[in-house]
Amino acid sequence: MMDTADKQVSMATDVKTILKLKVPVIVQIGKRRMTMDDILQLAPGAILELDKGSEQWLDLLANNKHVGQGSAVKVGENFGIRIEEIGSARERAEAMAT
């Protein structure tokens, strides 16, 4: 049987392990619903209009859960996101736990 001190050490170890987990992070520029027929008709050069204006913030997803928003930036030759709004650490952890 574990005593209180052993349980606390075990919980601390669990938290450290959880904090080291890598989850996918996605920056989403927009969405659109399409019929399967329209998807099958897509070809190089096709343009899809999305549901967000070009000046609206992008959505930041962690483990496919919304955790914040930001604006697109260029970082060297890559794209990046400048965080403009983000939930608290607790809100982010809860979003990924569900």
PDB file of N, CA and C in Angstrom:
ATOM      1  N   MET A   1       0.838  -1.178   0.000  1.00  0.00           N
ATOM      2  CA  MET A   1       0.000   0.000   0.000  1.00  0.00           C
ATOM      3  C   MET A   1       0.888   1.248   0.000  1.00  0.00           C
ATOM      4  N   MET A   2       0.527   2.252  -0.821  1.00  0.00           N
ATOM      5  CA  MET A   2       1.323   3.476  -0.917  1.00  0.00           C
ATOM      6  C   MET A   2       0.922   4.451   0.178  1.00  0.00           C
ATOM      7  N   ASP A   3       1.935   5.055   0.811  1.00  0.00           N
ATOM      8  CA  ASP A   3       1.607   6.093   1.780  1.00  0.00           C
ATOM      9  C   ASP A   3       1.486   7.437   1.050  1.00  0.00           C
ATOM     10  N   THR A   4       1.136   8.484   1.766  1.00  0.00           N
ATOM     11  CA  THR A   4       0.885   9.799   1.172  1.00  0.00           C
ATOM     12  C   THR A   4       2.106  10.336   0.440  1.00  0.00           C
ATOM     13  N   ALA A   5       3.281  10.191   1.010  1.00  0.00           N
ATOM     14  CA  ALA A   5       4.504  10.685   0.375  1.00  0.00           C
ATOM     15  C   ALA A   5       4.751   9.965  -0.948  1.00  0.00           C
ATOM     16  N   ASP A   6       4.543   8.644  -0.973  1.00  0.00           N
ATOM     17  CA  ASP A   6       4.727   7.879  -2.207  1.00  0.00           C
ATOM     18  C   ASP A   6       3.733   8.325  -3.281  1.00  0.00           C
ATOM     19  N   LYS A   7       2.502   8.604  -2.886  1.00  0.00           N
ATOM     20  CA  LYS A   7       1.477   9.058  -3.836  1.00  0.00           C
ATOM     21  C   LYS A   7       1.850  10.411  -4.427  1.00  0.00           C
ATOM     22  N   GLN A   8       2.390  11.310  -3.591  1.00  0.00           N
ATOM     23  CA  GLN A   8       2.784  12.634  -4.075  1.00  0.00           C
ATOM     24  C   GLN A   8       3.929  12.526  -5.071  1.00  0.00           C
ATOM     25  N   VAL A   9       4.895  11.662  -4.801  1.00  0.00           N
ATOM     26  CA  VAL A   9       6.013  11.452  -5.720  1.00  0.00           C
ATOM     27  C   VAL A   9       5.497  10.877  -7.032  1.00  0.00           C
ATOM     28  N   SER A  10       4.577   9.927  -6.938  1.00  0.00           N
ATOM     29  CA  SER A  10       3.998   9.312  -8.130  1.00  0.00           C
ATOM     30  C   SER A  10       3.240  10.344  -8.964  1.00  0.00           C
ATOM     31  N   MET A  11       2.454  11.204  -8.308  1.00  0.00           N
ATOM     32  CA  MET A  11       1.705  12.238  -9.025  1.00  0.00           C
ATOM     33  C   MET A  11       2.646  13.235  -9.684  1.00  0.00           C
ATOM     34  N   ALA A  12       3.724  13.620  -8.993  1.00  0.00           N
ATOM     35  CA  ALA A  12       4.694  14.559  -9.559  1.00  0.00           C
ATOM     36  C   ALA A  12       5.353  13.956 -10.793  1.00  0.00           C
ATOM     37  N   THR A  13       5.662  12.669 -10.732  1.00  0.00           N
ATOM     38  CA  THR A  13       6.253  11.979 -11.874  1.00  0.00           C
ATOM     39  C   THR A  13       5.268  11.945 -13.035  1.00  0.00           C
ATOM     40  N   ASP A  14       3.986  11.674 -12.747  1.00  0.00           N
ATOM     41  CA  ASP A  14       2.954  11.655 -13.787  1.00  0.00           C
ATOM     42  C   ASP A  14       2.836  13.017 -14.465  1.00  0.00           C
ATOM     43  N   VAL A  15       2.846  14.091 -13.681  1.00  0.00           N
ATOM     44  CA  VAL A  15       2.733  15.439 -14.235  1.00  0.00           C
ATOM     45  C   VAL A  15       3.932  15.737 -15.127  1.00  0.00           C
ATOM     46  N   LYS A  16       5.129  15.393 -14.687  1.00  0.00           N
ATOM     47  CA  LYS A  16       6.328  15.626 -15.500  1.00  0.00           C
ATOM     48  C   LYS A  16       6.242  14.869 -16.816  1.00  0.00           C
ATOM     49  N   THR A  17       5.749  13.648 -16.767  1.00  0.00           N
ATOM     50  CA  THR A  17       5.597  12.844 -17.982  1.00  0.00           C
ATOM     51  C   THR A  17       4.584  13.483 -18.920  1.00  0.00           C
ATOM     52  N   ILE A  18       3.456  13.917 -18.387  1.00  0.00           N
ATOM     53  CA  ILE A  18       2.409  14.547 -19.199  1.00  0.00           C
ATOM     54  C   ILE A  18       2.929  15.821 -19.856  1.00  0.00           C
ATOM     55  N   LEU A  19       3.681  16.629 -19.128  1.00  0.00           N
ATOM     56  CA  LEU A  19       4.190  17.886 -19.664  1.00  0.00           C
ATOM     57  C   LEU A  19       5.198  17.679 -20.789  1.00  0.00           C
ATOM     58  N   LYS A  20       5.769  16.489 -20.896  1.00  0.00           N
ATOM     59  CA  LYS A  20       6.733  16.194 -21.962  1.00  0.00           C
ATOM     60  C   LYS A  20       6.082  15.589 -23.202  1.00  0.00           C
ATOM     61  N   LEU A  21       4.774  15.307 -23.133  1.00  0.00           N
ATOM     62  CA  LEU A  21       4.086  14.734 -24.289  1.00  0.00           C
ATOM     63  C   LEU A  21       4.087  15.728 -25.443  1.00  0.00           C
ATOM     64  N   LYS A  22       4.314  15.229 -26.647  1.00  0.00           N
ATOM     65  CA  LYS A  22       4.244  16.072 -27.841  1.00  0.00           C
ATOM     66  C   LYS A  22       2.891  15.852 -28.495  1.00  0.00           C
ATOM     67  N   VAL A  23       2.203  16.951 -28.794  1.00  0.00           N
ATOM     68  CA  VAL A  23       0.896  16.878 -29.450  1.00  0.00           C
ATOM     69  C   VAL A  23       0.957  17.717 -30.724  1.00  0.00           C
ATOM     70  N   PRO A  24       0.130  17.385 -31.715  1.00  0.00           N
ATOM     71  CA  PRO A  24       0.139  18.179 -32.945  1.00  0.00           C
ATOM     72  C   PRO A  24      -0.394  19.589 -32.700  1.00  0.00           C
ATOM     73  N   VAL A  25       0.278  20.562 -33.283  1.00  0.00           N
ATOM     74  CA  VAL A  25      -0.155  21.955 -33.228  1.00  0.00           C
ATOM     75  C   VAL A  25      -0.469  22.376 -34.662  1.00  0.00           C
ATOM     76  N   ILE A  26      -1.677  22.899 -34.870  1.00  0.00           N
ATOM     77  CA  ILE A  26      -2.150  23.256 -36.205  1.00  0.00           C
ATOM     78  C   ILE A  26      -2.588  24.713 -36.195  1.00  0.00           C
ATOM     79  N   VAL A  27      -2.214  25.442 -37.233  1.00  0.00           N
ATOM     80  CA  VAL A  27      -2.719  26.791 -37.436  1.00  0.00           C
ATOM     81  C   VAL A  27      -3.707  26.698 -38.593  1.00  0.00           C
ATOM     82  N   GLN A  28      -4.953  27.014 -38.302  1.00  0.00           N
ATOM     83  CA  GLN A  28      -6.028  26.838 -39.282  1.00  0.00           C
ATOM     84  C   GLN A  28      -6.433  28.193 -39.863  1.00  0.00           C
ATOM     85  N   ILE A  29      -6.342  28.307 -41.189  1.00  0.00           N
ATOM     86  CA  ILE A  29      -6.693  29.586 -41.810  1.00  0.00           C
ATOM     87  C   ILE A  29      -8.181  29.702 -42.118  1.00  0.00           C
ATOM     88  N   GLY A  30      -8.883  28.603 -42.171  1.00  0.00           N
ATOM     89  CA  GLY A  30     -10.315  28.660 -42.434  1.00  0.00           C
ATOM     90  C   GLY A  30     -10.872  27.289 -42.749  1.00  0.00           C
ATOM     91  N   LYS A  31     -12.187  27.263 -42.992  1.00  0.00           N
ATOM     92  CA  LYS A  31     -12.875  26.004 -43.278  1.00  0.00           C
ATOM     93  C   LYS A  31     -13.859  26.221 -44.409  1.00  0.00           C
ATOM     94  N   ARG A  32     -14.283  25.115 -44.954  1.00  0.00           N
ATOM     95  CA  ARG A  32     -15.321  25.140 -45.975  1.00  0.00           C
ATOM     96  C   ARG A  32     -15.892  23.740 -46.094  1.00  0.00           C
ATOM     97  N   ARG A  33     -17.181  23.638 -46.262  1.00  0.00           N
ATOM     98  CA  ARG A  33     -17.825  22.347 -46.511  1.00  0.00           C
ATOM     99  C   ARG A  33     -18.024  22.212 -48.012  1.00  0.00           C
ATOM    100  N   MET A  34     -17.738  21.020 -48.510  1.00  0.00           N
ATOM    101  CA  MET A  34     -17.881  20.762 -49.944  1.00  0.00           C
ATOM    102  C   MET A  34     -18.515  19.398 -50.147  1.00  0.00           C
ATOM    103  N   THR A  35     -19.194  19.246 -51.260  1.00  0.00           N
ATOM    104  CA  THR A  35     -19.734  17.930 -51.594  1.00  0.00           C
ATOM    105  C   THR A  35     -18.586  17.045 -52.062  1.00  0.00           C
ATOM    106  N   MET A  36     -18.776  15.770 -51.971  1.00  0.00           N
ATOM    107  CA  MET A  36     -17.756  14.838 -52.464  1.00  0.00           C
ATOM    108  C   MET A  36     -17.519  15.061 -53.954  1.00  0.00           C
ATOM    109  N   ASP A  37     -18.590  15.354 -54.690  1.00  0.00           N
ATOM    110  CA  ASP A  37     -18.442  15.598 -56.122  1.00  0.00           C
ATOM    111  C   ASP A  37     -17.519  16.788 -56.371  1.00  0.00           C
ATOM    112  N   ASP A  38     -17.721  17.881 -55.620  1.00  0.00           N
ATOM    113  CA  ASP A  38     -16.859  19.055 -55.784  1.00  0.00           C
ATOM    114  C   ASP A  38     -15.411  18.735 -55.436  1.00  0.00           C
ATOM    115  N   ILE A  39     -15.197  17.940 -54.410  1.00  0.00           N
ATOM    116  CA  ILE A  39     -13.831  17.556 -54.026  1.00  0.00           C
ATOM    117  C   ILE A  39     -13.181  16.748 -55.137  1.00  0.00           C
ATOM    118  N   LEU A  40     -13.932  15.837 -55.724  1.00  0.00           N
ATOM    119  CA  LEU A  40     -13.388  15.018 -56.812  1.00  0.00           C
ATOM    120  C   LEU A  40     -13.099  15.841 -58.059  1.00  0.00           C
ATOM    121  N   GLN A  41     -13.729  16.994 -58.192  1.00  0.00           N
ATOM    122  CA  GLN A  41     -13.518  17.861 -59.354  1.00  0.00           C
ATOM    123  C   GLN A  41     -12.321  18.801 -59.180  1.00  0.00           C
ATOM    124  N   LEU A  42     -11.734  18.846 -57.991  1.00  0.00           N
ATOM    125  CA  LEU A  42     -10.594  19.739 -57.761  1.00  0.00           C
ATOM    126  C   LEU A  42      -9.432  19.378 -58.672  1.00  0.00           C
ATOM    127  N   ALA A  43      -8.737  20.412 -59.131  1.00  0.00           N
ATOM    128  CA  ALA A  43      -7.583  20.223 -60.008  1.00  0.00           C
ATOM    129  C   ALA A  43      -6.553  21.294 -59.673  1.00  0.00           C
ATOM    130  N   PRO A  44      -5.294  21.089 -60.077  1.00  0.00           N
ATOM    131  CA  PRO A  44      -4.284  22.121 -59.845  1.00  0.00           C
ATOM    132  C   PRO A  44      -4.757  23.472 -60.397  1.00  0.00           C
ATOM    133  N   GLY A  45      -4.558  24.507 -59.602  1.00  0.00           N
ATOM    134  CA  GLY A  45      -4.975  25.845 -60.001  1.00  0.00           C
ATOM    135  C   GLY A  45      -6.329  26.250 -59.446  1.00  0.00           C
ATOM    136  N   ALA A  46      -7.091  25.288 -58.907  1.00  0.00           N
ATOM    137  CA  ALA A  46      -8.398  25.606 -58.327  1.00  0.00           C
ATOM    138  C   ALA A  46      -8.197  26.479 -57.089  1.00  0.00           C
ATOM    139  N   ILE A  47      -9.121  27.378 -56.861  1.00  0.00           N
ATOM    140  CA  ILE A  47      -9.072  28.255 -55.691  1.00  0.00           C
ATOM    141  C   ILE A  47     -10.298  27.984 -54.833  1.00  0.00           C
ATOM    142  N   LEU A  48     -10.068  27.746 -53.551  1.00  0.00           N
ATOM    143  CA  LEU A  48     -11.163  27.519 -52.603  1.00  0.00           C
ATOM    144  C   LEU A  48     -11.300  28.749 -51.718  1.00  0.00           C
ATOM    145  N   GLU A  49     -12.480  29.330 -51.687  1.00  0.00           N
ATOM    146  CA  GLU A  49     -12.736  30.442 -50.782  1.00  0.00           C
ATOM    147  C   GLU A  49     -13.085  29.864 -49.417  1.00  0.00           C
ATOM    148  N   LEU A  50     -12.450  30.399 -48.384  1.00  0.00           N
ATOM    149  CA  LEU A  50     -12.673  29.910 -47.028  1.00  0.00           C
ATOM    150  C   LEU A  50     -13.594  30.854 -46.267  1.00  0.00           C
ATOM    151  N   ASP A  51     -13.959  30.452 -45.056  1.00  0.00           N
ATOM    152  CA  ASP A  51     -14.946  31.187 -44.270  1.00  0.00           C
ATOM    153  C   ASP A  51     -14.396  32.381 -43.500  1.00  0.00           C
ATOM    154  N   LYS A  52     -13.113  32.684 -43.625  1.00  0.00           N
ATOM    155  CA  LYS A  52     -12.524  33.796 -42.884  1.00  0.00           C
ATOM    156  C   LYS A  52     -12.021  34.861 -43.836  1.00  0.00           C
ATOM    157  N   GLY A  53     -12.143  36.108 -43.385  1.00  0.00           N
ATOM    158  CA  GLY A  53     -11.581  37.213 -44.145  1.00  0.00           C
ATOM    159  C   GLY A  53     -10.064  37.228 -44.005  1.00  0.00           C
ATOM    160  N   SER A  54      -9.399  37.860 -44.943  1.00  0.00           N
ATOM    161  CA  SER A  54      -7.930  37.867 -44.941  1.00  0.00           C
ATOM    162  C   SER A  54      -7.342  38.633 -43.758  1.00  0.00           C
ATOM    163  N   GLU A  55      -8.132  39.477 -43.116  1.00  0.00           N
ATOM    164  CA  GLU A  55      -7.639  40.242 -41.968  1.00  0.00           C
ATOM    165  C   GLU A  55      -8.014  39.613 -40.628  1.00  0.00           C
ATOM    166  N   GLN A  56      -8.771  38.526 -40.651  1.00  0.00           N
ATOM    167  CA  GLN A  56      -9.172  37.872 -39.402  1.00  0.00           C
ATOM    168  C   GLN A  56      -8.034  37.019 -38.856  1.00  0.00           C
ATOM    169  N   TRP A  57      -8.040  36.835 -37.540  1.00  0.00           N
ATOM    170  CA  TRP A  57      -7.032  35.999 -36.898  1.00  0.00           C
ATOM    171  C   TRP A  57      -7.184  34.545 -37.319  1.00  0.00           C
ATOM    172  N   LEU A  58      -6.071  33.833 -37.252  1.00  0.00           N
ATOM    173  CA  LEU A  58      -6.042  32.405 -37.532  1.00  0.00           C
ATOM    174  C   LEU A  58      -6.295  31.645 -36.236  1.00  0.00           C
ATOM    175  N   ASP A  59      -6.849  30.449 -36.345  1.00  0.00           N
ATOM    176  CA  ASP A  59      -7.105  29.625 -35.162  1.00  0.00           C
ATOM    177  C   ASP A  59      -5.892  28.763 -34.845  1.00  0.00           C
ATOM    178  N   LEU A  60      -5.549  28.685 -33.572  1.00  0.00           N
ATOM    179  CA  LEU A  60      -4.461  27.836 -33.096  1.00  0.00           C
ATOM    180  C   LEU A  60      -5.075  26.626 -32.408  1.00  0.00           C
ATOM    181  N   LEU A  61      -4.752  25.444 -32.915  1.00  0.00           N
ATOM    182  CA  LEU A  61      -5.269  24.195 -32.363  1.00  0.00           C
ATOM    183  C   LEU A  61      -4.111  23.387 -31.792  1.00  0.00           C
ATOM    184  N   ALA A  62      -4.316  22.795 -30.641  1.00  0.00           N
ATOM    185  CA  ALA A  62      -3.355  21.862 -30.056  1.00  0.00           C
ATOM    186  C   ALA A  62      -4.109  20.566 -29.819  1.00  0.00           C
ATOM    187  N   ASN A  63      -3.605  19.495 -30.396  1.00  0.00           N
ATOM    188  CA  ASN A  63      -4.274  18.197 -30.306  1.00  0.00           C
ATOM    189  C   ASN A  63      -5.718  18.296 -30.820  1.00  0.00           C
ATOM    190  N   ASN A  64      -5.889  19.079 -31.898  1.00  0.00           N
ATOM    191  CA  ASN A  64      -7.186  19.306 -32.559  1.00  0.00           C
ATOM    192  C   ASN A  64      -8.202  20.045 -31.693  1.00  0.00           C
ATOM    193  N   LYS A  65      -7.744  20.740 -30.658  1.00  0.00           N
ATOM    194  CA  LYS A  65      -8.626  21.533 -29.794  1.00  0.00           C
ATOM    195  C   LYS A  65      -8.215  23.002 -29.882  1.00  0.00           C
ATOM    196  N   HIS A  66      -9.198  23.893 -29.981  1.00  0.00           N
ATOM    197  CA  HIS A  66      -8.927  25.328 -30.087  1.00  0.00           C
ATOM    198  C   HIS A  66      -8.332  25.840 -28.775  1.00  0.00           C
ATOM    199  N   VAL A  67      -7.155  26.471 -28.862  1.00  0.00           N
ATOM    200  CA  VAL A  67      -6.510  27.005 -27.659  1.00  0.00           C
ATOM    201  C   VAL A  67      -6.170  28.486 -27.775  1.00  0.00           C
ATOM    202  N   GLY A  68      -6.259  29.048 -28.986  1.00  0.00           N
ATOM    203  CA  GLY A  68      -5.937  30.457 -29.141  1.00  0.00           C
ATOM    204  C   GLY A  68      -6.113  30.934 -30.564  1.00  0.00           C
ATOM    205  N   GLN A  69      -5.708  32.204 -30.783  1.00  0.00           N
ATOM    206  CA  GLN A  69      -5.788  32.811 -32.104  1.00  0.00           C
ATOM    207  C   GLN A  69      -4.589  33.712 -32.304  1.00  0.00           C
ATOM    208  N   GLY A  70      -4.265  33.970 -33.560  1.00  0.00           N
ATOM    209  CA  GLY A  70      -3.151  34.852 -33.839  1.00  0.00           C
ATOM    210  C   GLY A  70      -3.136  35.297 -35.283  1.00  0.00           C
ATOM    211  N   SER A  71      -2.123  36.071 -35.614  1.00  0.00           N
ATOM    212  CA  SER A  71      -1.989  36.582 -36.973  1.00  0.00           C
ATOM    213  C   SER A  71      -0.792  35.922 -37.648  1.00  0.00           C
ATOM    214  N   ALA A  72      -0.892  35.783 -38.960  1.00  0.00           N
ATOM    215  CA  ALA A  72       0.173  35.142 -39.734  1.00  0.00           C
ATOM    216  C   ALA A  72       1.387  36.063 -39.802  1.00  0.00           C
ATOM    217  N   VAL A  73       2.570  35.467 -39.684  1.00  0.00           N
ATOM    218  CA  VAL A  73       3.828  36.196 -39.826  1.00  0.00           C
ATOM    219  C   VAL A  73       4.776  35.355 -40.669  1.00  0.00           C
ATOM    220  N   LYS A  74       5.796  36.009 -41.191  1.00  0.00           N
ATOM    221  CA  LYS A  74       6.842  35.300 -41.925  1.00  0.00           C
ATOM    222  C   LYS A  74       8.047  35.188 -41.005  1.00  0.00           C
ATOM    223  N   VAL A  75       8.586  33.979 -40.868  1.00  0.00           N
ATOM    224  CA  VAL A  75       9.757  33.724 -40.031  1.00  0.00           C
ATOM    225  C   VAL A  75      10.819  33.139 -40.956  1.00  0.00           C
ATOM    226  N   GLY A  76      11.741  33.974 -41.402  1.00  0.00           N
ATOM    227  CA  GLY A  76      12.692  33.510 -42.411  1.00  0.00           C
ATOM    228  C   GLY A  76      11.932  33.178 -43.680  1.00  0.00           C
ATOM    229  N   GLU A  77      12.061  31.954 -44.133  1.00  0.00           N
ATOM    230  CA  GLU A  77      11.347  31.496 -45.329  1.00  0.00           C
ATOM    231  C   GLU A  77      10.076  30.729 -44.979  1.00  0.00           C
ATOM    232  N   ASN A  78       9.724  30.674 -43.706  1.00  0.00           N
ATOM    233  CA  ASN A  78       8.559  29.909 -43.256  1.00  0.00           C
ATOM    234  C   ASN A  78       7.448  30.827 -42.770  1.00  0.00           C
ATOM    235  N   PHE A  79       6.256  30.253 -42.657  1.00  0.00           N
ATOM    236  CA  PHE A  79       5.143  30.946 -42.028  1.00  0.00           C
ATOM    237  C   PHE A  79       5.189  30.685 -40.532  1.00  0.00           C
ATOM    238  N   GLY A  80       4.625  31.601 -39.773  1.00  0.00           N
ATOM    239  CA  GLY A  80       4.488  31.432 -38.337  1.00  0.00           C
ATOM    240  C   GLY A  80       3.198  32.092 -37.890  1.00  0.00           C
ATOM    241  N   ILE A  81       2.967  32.100 -36.599  1.00  0.00           N
ATOM    242  CA  ILE A  81       1.779  32.751 -36.038  1.00  0.00           C
ATOM    243  C   ILE A  81       2.200  33.587 -34.838  1.00  0.00           C
ATOM    244  N   ARG A  82       1.735  34.830 -34.812  1.00  0.00           N
ATOM    245  CA  ARG A  82       1.935  35.697 -33.645  1.00  0.00           C
ATOM    246  C   ARG A  82       0.689  35.531 -32.783  1.00  0.00           C
ATOM    247  N   ILE A  83       0.874  35.031 -31.586  1.00  0.00           N
ATOM    248  CA  ILE A  83      -0.257  34.779 -30.696  1.00  0.00           C
ATOM    249  C   ILE A  83      -0.867  36.118 -30.279  1.00  0.00           C
ATOM    250  N   GLU A  84      -2.155  36.259 -30.532  1.00  0.00           N
ATOM    251  CA  GLU A  84      -2.882  37.473 -30.167  1.00  0.00           C
ATOM    252  C   GLU A  84      -3.803  37.220 -28.976  1.00  0.00           C
ATOM    253  N   GLU A  85      -4.291  35.994 -28.871  1.00  0.00           N
ATOM    254  CA  GLU A  85      -5.221  35.629 -27.795  1.00  0.00           C
ATOM    255  C   GLU A  85      -5.008  34.151 -27.479  1.00  0.00           C
ATOM    256  N   ILE A  86      -4.882  33.843 -26.185  1.00  0.00           N
ATOM    257  CA  ILE A  86      -4.679  32.443 -25.800  1.00  0.00           C
ATOM    258  C   ILE A  86      -5.349  32.201 -24.451  1.00  0.00           C
ATOM    259  N   GLY A  87      -5.893  31.012 -24.288  1.00  0.00           N
ATOM    260  CA  GLY A  87      -6.523  30.659 -23.023  1.00  0.00           C
ATOM    261  C   GLY A  87      -5.472  30.495 -21.932  1.00  0.00           C
ATOM    262  N   SER A  88      -5.919  30.457 -20.699  1.00  0.00           N
ATOM    263  CA  SER A  88      -5.005  30.237 -19.579  1.00  0.00           C
ATOM    264  C   SER A  88      -4.406  28.836 -19.692  1.00  0.00           C
ATOM    265  N   ALA A  89      -3.350  28.574 -18.954  1.00  0.00           N
ATOM    266  CA  ALA A  89      -2.735  27.243 -18.966  1.00  0.00           C
ATOM    267  C   ALA A  89      -3.769  26.189 -18.589  1.00  0.00           C
ATOM    268  N   ARG A  90      -4.610  26.499 -17.633  1.00  0.00           N
ATOM    269  CA  ARG A  90      -5.645  25.543 -17.209  1.00  0.00           C
ATOM    270  C   ARG A  90      -6.642  25.285 -18.341  1.00  0.00           C
ATOM    271  N   GLU A  91      -7.103  26.362 -19.000  1.00  0.00           N
ATOM    272  CA  GLU A  91      -8.054  26.209 -20.108  1.00  0.00           C
ATOM    273  C   GLU A  91      -7.447  25.391 -21.246  1.00  0.00           C
ATOM    274  N   ARG A  92      -6.174  25.634 -21.543  1.00  0.00           N
ATOM    275  CA  ARG A  92      -5.506  24.878 -22.612  1.00  0.00           C
ATOM    276  C   ARG A  92      -5.383  23.411 -22.244  1.00  0.00           C
ATOM    277  N   ALA A  93      -5.008  23.128 -21.000  1.00  0.00           N
ATOM    278  CA  ALA A  93      -4.877  21.734 -20.560  1.00  0.00           C
ATOM    279  C   ALA A  93      -6.232  21.033 -20.591  1.00  0.00           C
ATOM    280  N   GLU A  94      -7.279  21.727 -20.137  1.00  0.00           N
ATOM    281  CA  GLU A  94      -8.615  21.129 -20.144  1.00  0.00           C
ATOM    282  C   GLU A  94      -9.111  20.884 -21.565  1.00  0.00           C
ATOM    283  N   ALA A  95      -8.817  21.802 -22.480  1.00  0.00           N
ATOM    284  CA  ALA A  95      -9.245  21.630 -23.871  1.00  0.00           C
ATOM    285  C   ALA A  95      -8.614  20.388 -24.484  1.00  0.00           C
ATOM    286  N   MET A  96      -7.373  20.127 -24.159  1.00  0.00           N
ATOM    287  CA  MET A  96      -6.683  18.970 -24.736  1.00  0.00           C
ATOM    288  C   MET A  96      -7.062  17.673 -24.044  1.00  0.00           C
ATOM    289  N   ALA A  97      -7.608  17.760 -22.835  1.00  0.00           N
ATOM    290  CA  ALA A  97      -7.965  16.547 -22.094  1.00  0.00           C
ATOM    291  C   ALA A  97      -9.305  15.978 -22.534  1.00  0.00           C
ATOM    292  N   THR A  98     -10.112  16.770 -23.232  1.00  0.00           N
ATOM    293  CA  THR A  98     -11.447  16.290 -23.621  1.00  0.00           C
ATOM    294  C   THR A  98     -11.452  15.685 -24.997  1.00  0.00           C
TER     295      THR A  98
END
